[in-house]
Protein backbone atom coordinates (compact mmCIF):
# COMPACT_ATOMS: atom_id res chain seq x y z
CA MET A 1 63.30 144.91 23.37
CA ARG A 2 65.49 142.00 22.36
CA ASP A 3 68.42 142.57 20.46
CA PHE A 4 68.64 141.29 16.85
CA THR A 5 71.67 139.25 16.40
CA ARG A 6 73.41 138.22 13.08
CA GLY A 7 72.18 134.84 11.93
CA MET A 8 68.53 134.99 13.21
CA LEU A 9 65.90 134.42 10.87
CA ALA A 10 63.21 137.19 9.85
CA ARG A 11 60.06 137.31 7.87
CA SER A 12 58.79 140.31 6.07
CA LYS A 13 55.63 141.74 7.01
CA ALA A 14 55.16 144.52 4.66
CA GLY A 15 56.11 145.29 1.07
CA HIS A 16 56.01 143.25 -2.10
CA ASP A 17 58.04 140.45 -0.55
CA THR A 18 55.29 139.99 2.47
CA GLY A 19 55.98 136.53 4.14
CA LYS A 20 59.29 135.87 2.66
CA LEU A 21 61.81 134.50 5.04
CA TYR A 22 65.42 136.01 5.32
CA VAL A 23 68.53 135.66 7.33
CA LEU A 24 69.38 138.87 9.33
CA MET A 25 73.00 140.23 8.41
CA GLU A 26 73.15 143.64 10.07
CA ALA A 27 70.99 145.92 12.32
CA ASP A 28 70.83 149.23 13.76
CA ASN A 29 68.35 151.23 15.64
CA GLU A 30 66.03 151.77 12.67
CA PHE A 31 66.91 149.43 9.75
CA VAL A 32 67.94 145.84 9.28
CA TRP A 33 69.94 144.25 6.28
CA LEU A 34 68.49 140.93 5.17
CA CYS A 35 69.69 138.28 2.89
CA ASP A 36 68.11 135.40 1.18
CA GLY A 37 71.05 133.72 -0.80
CA LYS A 38 68.98 133.92 -3.91
CA ASN A 39 67.71 137.30 -4.97
CA ARG A 40 69.09 139.16 -2.10
CA THR A 41 72.68 137.79 -1.97
CA LEU A 42 75.33 139.07 0.44
CA ASP A 43 76.66 141.45 -2.10
CA ARG A 44 72.99 143.09 -2.36
CA LEU A 45 71.52 143.19 1.01
CA LYS A 46 67.89 144.02 1.54
CA LYS A 47 67.41 147.00 3.46
CA LYS A 48 64.14 147.18 5.55
CA ARG A 49 62.71 149.12 8.69
CA ARG A 50 62.74 146.94 11.80
CA LYS A 51 58.73 147.46 12.17
CA HIS A 52 58.58 145.71 8.74
CA ILE A 53 59.89 142.47 9.85
CA GLN A 54 58.88 139.78 12.19
CA ILE A 55 62.01 138.29 13.84
CA ILE A 56 62.34 134.73 14.48
CA TYR A 57 64.59 134.29 17.79
CA GLN A 58 66.32 131.59 16.37
CA ILE A 59 69.73 130.99 14.61
CA PRO A 60 69.89 127.79 12.48
CA CYS A 61 72.54 125.36 13.61
CA ASN A 62 74.67 125.67 10.36
CA LEU A 63 74.72 129.46 10.66
CA GLY A 64 75.32 129.21 14.51
CA ASN A 65 78.24 126.82 14.06
CA LEU A 66 79.81 129.16 11.38
CA LEU A 67 79.40 132.37 13.44
CA GLU A 68 80.89 130.74 16.63
CA GLU A 69 83.94 129.23 14.58
CA GLY A 70 84.44 132.55 12.95
CA GLY A 71 83.84 131.32 9.42
CA GLU A 72 82.85 133.14 6.60
CA ILE A 73 79.03 132.85 5.47
CA ARG A 74 78.15 132.34 2.01
CA ASP A 75 74.94 132.52 0.00
CA GLU A 76 74.69 128.87 0.00
CA HIS A 77 74.71 128.59 3.79
CA ILE A 78 71.99 130.94 4.03
CA ARG A 79 69.93 129.11 1.31
CA LYS A 80 70.38 125.92 3.29
CA ALA A 81 69.46 127.39 6.57
CA ILE A 82 66.14 128.79 5.06
CA ARG A 83 65.37 125.54 3.44
CA GLU A 84 65.80 123.58 6.61
CA TYR A 85 63.77 126.05 8.69
CA GLU A 86 60.90 125.92 6.19
CA ARG A 87 61.24 122.19 5.80
CA GLN A 88 61.16 121.74 9.80
CA ARG A 89 58.04 124.02 10.08
CA ASP A 90 56.20 122.07 7.36
CA CYS A 91 56.89 118.77 9.08
CA GLY A 92 55.54 120.39 12.39
CA ASN A 93 52.41 121.32 10.71
CA GLN A 94 51.45 118.06 9.11
CA GLN A 95 49.01 115.90 11.11
CA GLU A 96 49.03 112.22 10.99
CA VAL A 97 45.92 110.63 9.06
């Protein structure tokens, strides 16, 4: 099993938030704490069981740079990272007509 690292993206597989994209902030053996920067801010992390998320083994560039520099991650950084990932994914799924 691969380690979960702070800053990775995760998609919810179960619960009322199924399909929602989050950024992983903390993890232990059984639970993860997630943030989306809007409803679940850094002050109110979402606690979910590991089996209820699909981890995306990718750290967005802006978060990766902040983590390497030791900078403080804020809610706006998380919102931007999720928005860029979804935009990138949407562009990859479009086909030329």
